Amino acid sequence: MAGESFVLSQAFYIGGIVGQPQPKVIVTEGARIDLCDFLDATRIYKNGTSTPTAPRVWEAGYDLEGDDDDPRLLQECQRRAATPRNTTASAQDRAASASTT
């Protein structure tokens, strides 16, 4: 199957394009796929098997567990709030930030 078959919440745009023929609407009969629980028995995961791949474990590079007054956590929250959303700091930047506290 194609990769897009496994994407959750994928958007589809419906409508016409100026200067192009009107889109065709085809009405079909049958059950909605989200109500077909019987399909679960034969599901295929993105890895091509009937067993999902183990989830990735992401390493933060430093310990983020602690209480809400932990200065390292507060500093990391401030750093993330100041980082533009389009930019992600590298693991090296995060490790350097954590080692300064």
N, C-alpha and C. Protein backbone atom coordinates (compact mmCIF):
# COMPACT_ATOMS: atom_id res chain seq x y z
N MET A 1 0.84 -1.19 0.00
CA MET A 1 0.00 0.00 0.00
C MET A 1 0.88 1.25 0.00
N ALA A 2 0.35 2.30 -0.51
CA ALA A 2 1.06 3.56 -0.53
C ALA A 2 1.12 4.18 0.86
N GLY A 3 2.16 4.97 1.13
CA GLY A 3 2.36 5.57 2.44
C GLY A 3 1.19 6.41 2.92
N GLU A 4 0.48 7.07 2.00
CA GLU A 4 -0.64 7.91 2.42
C GLU A 4 -1.80 7.11 2.99
N SER A 5 -1.80 5.80 2.76
CA SER A 5 -2.84 4.96 3.35
C SER A 5 -2.70 4.88 4.87
N PHE A 6 -1.55 5.24 5.40
CA PHE A 6 -1.29 5.11 6.83
C PHE A 6 -1.24 6.45 7.55
N VAL A 7 -1.57 7.54 6.87
CA VAL A 7 -1.51 8.87 7.46
C VAL A 7 -2.84 9.17 8.15
N LEU A 8 -2.77 9.52 9.43
CA LEU A 8 -3.98 9.91 10.16
C LEU A 8 -4.33 11.36 9.84
N SER A 9 -5.58 11.65 9.82
CA SER A 9 -6.08 13.01 9.65
C SER A 9 -5.57 13.69 8.39
N GLN A 10 -5.51 12.97 7.31
CA GLN A 10 -5.08 13.55 6.05
C GLN A 10 -6.23 14.35 5.45
N ALA A 11 -5.93 15.55 5.02
CA ALA A 11 -6.97 16.43 4.48
C ALA A 11 -7.20 16.15 3.00
N PHE A 12 -8.43 16.26 2.59
CA PHE A 12 -8.78 16.16 1.19
C PHE A 12 -9.56 17.42 0.83
N TYR A 13 -9.15 18.04 -0.26
CA TYR A 13 -9.84 19.25 -0.68
C TYR A 13 -10.84 18.86 -1.76
N ILE A 14 -12.07 19.32 -1.60
CA ILE A 14 -13.14 18.97 -2.51
C ILE A 14 -13.64 20.24 -3.16
N GLY A 15 -13.77 20.18 -4.45
CA GLY A 15 -14.30 21.33 -5.15
C GLY A 15 -13.70 21.43 -6.53
N GLY A 16 -14.13 22.42 -7.26
CA GLY A 16 -13.66 22.58 -8.63
C GLY A 16 -12.46 23.51 -8.73
N ILE A 17 -11.85 23.49 -9.90
CA ILE A 17 -10.74 24.38 -10.20
C ILE A 17 -11.19 25.26 -11.36
N VAL A 18 -10.98 26.55 -11.23
CA VAL A 18 -11.40 27.50 -12.26
C VAL A 18 -10.77 27.10 -13.59
N GLY A 19 -11.60 27.03 -14.63
CA GLY A 19 -11.10 26.71 -15.96
C GLY A 19 -11.00 25.22 -16.24
N GLN A 20 -11.38 24.38 -15.29
CA GLN A 20 -11.32 22.93 -15.46
C GLN A 20 -12.74 22.37 -15.42
N PRO A 21 -12.94 21.16 -15.96
CA PRO A 21 -14.28 20.56 -15.90
C PRO A 21 -14.75 20.37 -14.46
N GLN A 22 -16.05 20.37 -14.27
CA GLN A 22 -16.61 20.16 -12.93
C GLN A 22 -16.21 18.77 -12.43
N PRO A 23 -15.93 18.65 -11.12
CA PRO A 23 -15.58 17.33 -10.58
C PRO A 23 -16.79 16.40 -10.63
N LYS A 24 -16.51 15.10 -10.79
CA LYS A 24 -17.58 14.10 -10.79
C LYS A 24 -17.82 13.63 -9.37
N VAL A 25 -19.07 13.43 -9.04
CA VAL A 25 -19.44 12.88 -7.74
C VAL A 25 -20.04 11.51 -8.00
N ILE A 26 -19.49 10.49 -7.36
CA ILE A 26 -19.97 9.14 -7.52
C ILE A 26 -20.52 8.67 -6.18
N VAL A 27 -21.79 8.35 -6.16
CA VAL A 27 -22.44 7.88 -4.93
C VAL A 27 -22.36 6.36 -4.93
N THR A 28 -21.86 5.80 -3.84
CA THR A 28 -21.75 4.34 -3.73
C THR A 28 -22.57 3.86 -2.55
N GLU A 29 -22.84 2.58 -2.54
CA GLU A 29 -23.55 1.97 -1.43
C GLU A 29 -22.57 1.13 -0.62
N GLY A 30 -22.86 0.94 0.64
CA GLY A 30 -22.02 0.09 1.47
C GLY A 30 -21.79 0.71 2.84
N ALA A 31 -20.96 0.04 3.61
CA ALA A 31 -20.68 0.49 4.97
C ALA A 31 -19.50 1.46 4.97
N ARG A 32 -19.55 2.41 5.89
CA ARG A 32 -18.40 3.30 6.07
C ARG A 32 -17.25 2.49 6.64
N ILE A 33 -16.05 2.73 6.15
CA ILE A 33 -14.91 1.91 6.56
C ILE A 33 -14.61 2.02 8.05
N ASP A 34 -14.91 3.17 8.66
CA ASP A 34 -14.65 3.31 10.10
C ASP A 34 -15.61 2.49 10.95
N LEU A 35 -16.65 1.92 10.32
CA LEU A 35 -17.57 1.05 11.04
C LEU A 35 -17.34 -0.43 10.75
N CYS A 36 -16.32 -0.75 9.96
CA CYS A 36 -16.03 -2.14 9.56
C CYS A 36 -15.00 -2.76 10.49
N ASP A 37 -15.41 -3.05 11.73
CA ASP A 37 -14.49 -3.62 12.71
C ASP A 37 -13.92 -4.97 12.27
N PHE A 38 -14.64 -5.69 11.42
CA PHE A 38 -14.16 -6.99 10.96
C PHE A 38 -12.86 -6.89 10.16
N LEU A 39 -12.53 -5.70 9.67
CA LEU A 39 -11.29 -5.52 8.91
C LEU A 39 -10.05 -5.58 9.81
N ASP A 40 -10.21 -5.36 11.12
CA ASP A 40 -9.07 -5.37 12.03
C ASP A 40 -8.31 -6.69 12.00
N ALA A 41 -9.01 -7.80 11.78
CA ALA A 41 -8.37 -9.12 11.81
C ALA A 41 -7.38 -9.30 10.67
N THR A 42 -7.55 -8.57 9.58
CA THR A 42 -6.66 -8.73 8.42
C THR A 42 -5.84 -7.47 8.14
N ARG A 43 -5.71 -6.61 9.12
CA ARG A 43 -5.00 -5.35 8.90
C ARG A 43 -3.53 -5.58 8.56
N ILE A 44 -2.98 -4.65 7.82
CA ILE A 44 -1.56 -4.64 7.47
C ILE A 44 -1.01 -3.30 7.92
N TYR A 45 0.06 -3.35 8.69
CA TYR A 45 0.69 -2.12 9.16
C TYR A 45 1.65 -1.59 8.11
N LYS A 46 2.13 -0.38 8.33
CA LYS A 46 3.01 0.28 7.37
C LYS A 46 4.26 -0.54 7.08
N ASN A 47 4.70 -1.35 8.05
CA ASN A 47 5.89 -2.17 7.83
C ASN A 47 5.59 -3.41 6.99
N GLY A 48 4.35 -3.58 6.54
CA GLY A 48 3.97 -4.68 5.67
C GLY A 48 3.59 -5.96 6.39
N THR A 49 3.55 -5.94 7.72
CA THR A 49 3.20 -7.14 8.49
C THR A 49 1.92 -6.90 9.27
N SER A 50 1.46 -7.94 9.96
CA SER A 50 0.26 -7.81 10.79
C SER A 50 0.59 -7.37 12.22
N THR A 51 1.87 -7.05 12.47
CA THR A 51 2.32 -6.59 13.79
C THR A 51 2.94 -5.20 13.64
N PRO A 52 2.52 -4.24 14.46
CA PRO A 52 3.09 -2.90 14.32
C PRO A 52 4.56 -2.86 14.75
N THR A 53 5.30 -1.93 14.18
CA THR A 53 6.68 -1.69 14.58
C THR A 53 6.67 -1.08 15.97
N ALA A 54 7.65 -1.45 16.79
CA ALA A 54 7.74 -0.88 18.15
C ALA A 54 7.89 0.63 18.04
N PRO A 55 7.23 1.38 18.93
CA PRO A 55 7.33 2.83 18.87
C PRO A 55 8.76 3.30 19.16
N ARG A 56 9.13 4.39 18.54
CA ARG A 56 10.46 4.97 18.78
C ARG A 56 10.52 5.56 20.17
N VAL A 57 11.67 5.46 20.78
CA VAL A 57 11.90 6.09 22.07
C VAL A 57 12.83 7.27 21.81
N TRP A 58 12.33 8.44 22.08
CA TRP A 58 13.12 9.65 21.83
C TRP A 58 13.89 10.01 23.09
N GLU A 59 15.17 10.23 22.91
CA GLU A 59 16.02 10.64 24.02
C GLU A 59 16.12 12.16 24.02
N ALA A 60 15.86 12.76 25.15
CA ALA A 60 15.94 14.21 25.27
C ALA A 60 17.39 14.67 25.39
N GLY A 61 18.29 13.78 25.76
CA GLY A 61 19.68 14.17 25.94
C GLY A 61 19.96 14.65 27.35
N TYR A 62 18.91 14.78 28.14
CA TYR A 62 19.03 15.20 29.52
C TYR A 62 17.76 14.82 30.23
N ASP A 63 17.82 14.81 31.53
CA ASP A 63 16.68 14.37 32.33
C ASP A 63 15.66 15.49 32.46
N LEU A 64 14.43 15.25 32.01
CA LEU A 64 13.38 16.25 32.13
C LEU A 64 12.36 15.89 33.20
N GLU A 65 12.67 14.89 33.99
CA GLU A 65 11.75 14.53 35.06
C GLU A 65 12.13 15.29 36.32
N GLY A 66 11.15 15.74 37.03
CA GLY A 66 11.38 16.49 38.25
C GLY A 66 10.10 17.21 38.62
N ASP A 67 10.22 18.14 39.53
CA ASP A 67 9.01 18.87 39.91
C ASP A 67 8.92 20.18 39.12
N ASP A 68 7.80 20.85 39.26
CA ASP A 68 7.56 22.07 38.49
C ASP A 68 8.48 23.21 38.86
N ASP A 69 9.19 23.11 39.96
CA ASP A 69 10.10 24.17 40.37
C ASP A 69 11.55 23.90 39.95
N ASP A 70 11.78 22.83 39.21
CA ASP A 70 13.12 22.47 38.75
C ASP A 70 13.62 23.56 37.80
N PRO A 71 14.71 24.24 38.12
CA PRO A 71 15.19 25.33 37.26
C PRO A 71 15.55 24.87 35.85
N ARG A 72 16.00 23.62 35.70
CA ARG A 72 16.32 23.12 34.36
C ARG A 72 15.06 23.02 33.50
N LEU A 73 13.97 22.57 34.11
CA LEU A 73 12.72 22.47 33.37
C LEU A 73 12.18 23.86 33.01
N LEU A 74 12.26 24.78 33.95
CA LEU A 74 11.79 26.13 33.69
C LEU A 74 12.60 26.79 32.58
N GLN A 75 13.92 26.58 32.60
CA GLN A 75 14.78 27.15 31.56
C GLN A 75 14.45 26.54 30.20
N GLU A 76 14.23 25.22 30.16
CA GLU A 76 13.90 24.56 28.90
C GLU A 76 12.55 25.06 28.37
N CYS A 77 11.58 25.26 29.25
CA CYS A 77 10.28 25.79 28.82
C CYS A 77 10.44 27.19 28.23
N GLN A 78 11.24 28.02 28.87
CA GLN A 78 11.46 29.37 28.36
C GLN A 78 12.17 29.33 27.00
N ARG A 79 13.16 28.41 26.87
CA ARG A 79 13.88 28.29 25.61
C ARG A 79 12.94 27.86 24.49
N ARG A 80 12.08 26.87 24.78
CA ARG A 80 11.16 26.39 23.76
C ARG A 80 10.12 27.45 23.39
N ALA A 81 9.68 28.21 24.37
CA ALA A 81 8.71 29.27 24.09
C ALA A 81 9.33 30.36 23.22
N ALA A 82 10.63 30.58 23.35
CA ALA A 82 11.31 31.62 22.58
C ALA A 82 11.73 31.14 21.19
N THR A 83 11.72 29.83 20.96
CA THR A 83 12.13 29.27 19.67
C THR A 83 10.97 29.39 18.69
N PRO A 84 11.21 29.98 17.51
CA PRO A 84 10.13 30.06 16.51
C PRO A 84 9.63 28.66 16.17
N ARG A 85 8.35 28.54 15.87
CA ARG A 85 7.74 27.23 15.62
C ARG A 85 8.32 26.53 14.41
N ASN A 86 8.78 27.28 13.42
CA ASN A 86 9.32 26.66 12.21
C ASN A 86 10.73 26.12 12.41
N THR A 87 11.37 26.49 13.49
CA THR A 87 12.74 26.10 13.75
C THR A 87 12.77 25.14 14.92
N THR A 88 13.48 24.07 14.77
CA THR A 88 13.66 23.15 15.89
C THR A 88 15.13 23.14 16.24
N ALA A 89 15.42 23.24 17.50
CA ALA A 89 16.80 23.21 17.95
C ALA A 89 17.36 21.81 17.78
N SER A 90 18.63 21.73 17.45
CA SER A 90 19.25 20.42 17.28
C SER A 90 19.48 19.78 18.64
N ALA A 91 19.71 18.49 18.65
CA ALA A 91 19.99 17.77 19.89
C ALA A 91 21.22 18.35 20.56
N GLN A 92 22.20 18.78 19.75
CA GLN A 92 23.42 19.36 20.29
C GLN A 92 23.10 20.68 21.01
N ASP A 93 22.24 21.51 20.42
CA ASP A 93 21.83 22.77 21.06
C ASP A 93 21.11 22.50 22.38
N ARG A 94 20.22 21.49 22.39
CA ARG A 94 19.50 21.17 23.61
C ARG A 94 20.43 20.67 24.69
N ALA A 95 21.39 19.84 24.30
CA ALA A 95 22.35 19.31 25.27
C ALA A 95 23.19 20.44 25.85
N ALA A 96 23.61 21.40 24.99
CA ALA A 96 24.40 22.53 25.47
C ALA A 96 23.59 23.38 26.41
N SER A 97 22.31 23.58 26.09
CA SER A 97 21.43 24.36 26.97
C SER A 97 21.27 23.71 28.32
N ALA A 98 21.14 22.39 28.33
CA ALA A 98 20.95 21.67 29.58
C ALA A 98 22.22 21.67 30.42
N SER A 99 23.39 21.69 29.78
CA SER A 99 24.63 21.61 30.55
C SER A 99 25.00 22.94 31.18
N THR A 100 24.34 24.03 30.79
CA THR A 100 24.65 25.35 31.35
C THR A 100 23.95 25.60 32.66
N THR A 101 23.07 24.69 33.08
CA THR A 101 22.34 24.90 34.34
C THR A 101 22.96 24.12 35.46
